Amino acid sequence: FLSISRVNWHLLYLSANTHCRLMRQNAYLFSAKKCLGLHSIAYHESVYDIILKDYALGKIKIIDEYLQNIIQPMGKSFVSALLCTTQTNDFSDIEKKQVDQSYIQSRFENHVK
């Protein structure tokens, strides 16, 4: 991840639940677009003030959707070219049911081809 130090960034997903093809930025990173999931993410200090201000204004209801719709379009969010982590199949407190997460890896592989 040496290349992230040379990039002006807000978010770095070490894994993401992707929903569209991702554009490669360099050998290590893709631009984050329509990415969900917070199980493995780093926040740059520069984005905290933005998030805290929007939270205080009541703009954040579901955090991963907020990041997808507000922060990612700013163009400073990236996804690791290697899927570093994934979610296990387990109970989702968001969906209130058991969830099979096995699709995340195959979807990611399809979106980075």
Protein backbone atom coordinates (compact mmCIF):
# COMPACT_ATOMS: atom_id res chain seq x y z
CA PHE A 1 0.00 0.00 0.00
CA LEU A 2 2.93 2.33 -0.51
CA SER A 3 1.04 3.90 -3.38
CA ILE A 4 -1.71 5.20 -1.04
CA SER A 5 0.81 7.57 0.56
CA ARG A 6 1.16 9.28 -2.82
CA VAL A 7 -2.60 9.64 -3.32
CA ASN A 8 -4.96 12.29 -1.93
CA TRP A 9 -7.52 9.97 -0.34
CA HIS A 10 -10.53 9.86 2.00
CA LEU A 11 -11.39 6.15 2.16
CA LEU A 12 -9.44 2.96 1.58
CA TYR A 13 -11.48 -0.24 1.38
CA LEU A 14 -9.37 -3.33 2.11
CA SER A 15 -12.45 -5.20 0.98
CA ALA A 16 -15.74 -3.96 -0.40
CA ASN A 17 -19.12 -5.20 -1.44
CA THR A 18 -18.89 -3.92 -5.03
CA HIS A 19 -21.85 -3.12 -7.28
CA CYS A 20 -20.21 -2.11 -10.56
CA ARG A 21 -16.96 -2.45 -12.50
CA LEU A 22 -14.08 -0.65 -10.78
CA MET A 23 -11.51 1.48 -12.60
CA ARG A 24 -7.84 0.65 -11.90
CA GLN A 25 -5.77 3.59 -10.68
CA ASN A 26 -2.44 1.79 -10.31
CA ALA A 27 -1.08 -1.68 -9.57
CA TYR A 28 -2.52 -1.61 -6.04
CA LEU A 29 -5.70 0.46 -6.17
CA PHE A 30 -9.06 0.82 -7.88
CA SER A 31 -11.34 3.84 -7.56
CA ALA A 32 -14.23 3.11 -5.21
CA LYS A 33 -17.60 3.46 -6.91
CA LYS A 34 -20.86 2.04 -5.56
CA CYS A 35 -19.02 0.15 -2.82
CA LEU A 36 -20.75 -0.91 0.37
CA GLY A 37 -19.56 -2.71 3.48
CA LEU A 38 -17.57 -1.38 6.41
CA HIS A 39 -15.95 -4.59 7.60
CA SER A 40 -12.49 -3.50 6.43
CA ILE A 41 -12.03 0.20 5.73
CA ALA A 42 -9.54 2.95 6.62
CA TYR A 43 -10.54 6.60 6.96
CA HIS A 44 -8.02 9.35 6.24
CA GLU A 45 -8.01 12.10 8.86
CA SER A 46 -9.12 14.61 6.18
CA VAL A 47 -12.58 13.02 5.87
CA TYR A 48 -13.53 13.03 9.57
CA ASP A 49 -14.65 16.67 9.64
CA ILE A 50 -16.88 16.09 6.60
CA ILE A 51 -18.49 13.00 8.14
CA LEU A 52 -18.96 14.59 11.58
CA LYS A 53 -20.50 17.75 10.08
CA ASP A 54 -22.92 15.73 7.95
CA TYR A 55 -23.81 13.55 10.95
CA ALA A 56 -24.57 16.65 13.05
CA LEU A 57 -26.79 17.93 10.22
CA GLY A 58 -28.70 14.63 10.18
CA LYS A 59 -27.51 13.69 6.69
CA ILE A 60 -26.33 10.22 7.71
CA LYS A 61 -28.92 7.47 8.17
CA ILE A 62 -26.99 4.39 7.01
CA ILE A 63 -23.24 4.98 7.06
CA ASP A 64 -22.16 2.73 4.17
CA GLU A 65 -24.86 4.23 1.92
CA TYR A 66 -23.74 7.72 2.94
CA LEU A 67 -20.13 6.88 2.05
CA GLN A 68 -21.27 5.41 -1.28
CA ASN A 69 -23.50 8.34 -2.23
CA ILE A 70 -21.64 11.33 -0.75
CA ILE A 71 -17.97 10.55 -0.05
CA GLN A 72 -17.10 8.16 -2.91
CA PRO A 73 -18.29 10.59 -5.64
CA MET A 74 -15.70 13.10 -4.37
CA GLY A 75 -13.15 10.88 -6.16
CA LYS A 76 -10.85 10.24 -3.20
CA SER A 77 -11.99 6.73 -2.26
CA PHE A 78 -10.12 3.59 -3.24
CA VAL A 79 -10.34 -0.20 -3.06
CA SER A 80 -7.35 -2.48 -2.62
CA ALA A 81 -6.57 -4.47 -5.77
CA LEU A 82 -6.36 -7.54 -3.54
CA LEU A 83 -9.37 -8.61 -1.52
CA CYS A 84 -7.75 -8.51 1.93
CA THR A 85 -10.76 -9.54 4.03
CA THR A 86 -14.33 -10.67 3.58
CA GLN A 87 -17.43 -11.05 5.72
CA THR A 88 -18.48 -14.42 7.06
CA ASN A 89 -21.94 -15.84 6.71
CA ASP A 90 -23.74 -14.71 9.84
CA PHE A 91 -26.69 -12.81 11.27
CA SER A 92 -27.05 -9.29 9.82
CA ASP A 93 -28.19 -6.70 12.33
CA ILE A 94 -29.11 -4.49 9.37
CA GLU A 95 -31.24 -7.07 7.55
CA LYS A 96 -32.31 -8.84 10.78
CA LYS A 97 -31.67 -12.31 9.31
CA GLN A 98 -28.94 -14.81 8.46
CA VAL A 99 -27.03 -13.59 5.40
CA ASP A 100 -24.85 -15.53 2.97
CA GLN A 101 -21.86 -13.28 2.17
CA SER A 102 -20.09 -15.70 -0.19
CA TYR A 103 -21.07 -13.65 -3.24
CA ILE A 104 -18.81 -10.73 -2.18
CA GLN A 105 -15.59 -12.38 -3.38
CA SER A 106 -16.92 -13.52 -6.75
CA ARG A 107 -18.61 -10.16 -7.37
CA PHE A 108 -15.36 -8.32 -6.51
CA GLU A 109 -13.35 -10.57 -8.87
CA ASN A 110 -15.86 -9.88 -11.65
CA HIS A 111 -15.75 -6.10 -11.07
CA VAL A 112 -11.96 -5.80 -11.20
CA LYS A 113 -11.39 -7.82 -14.42
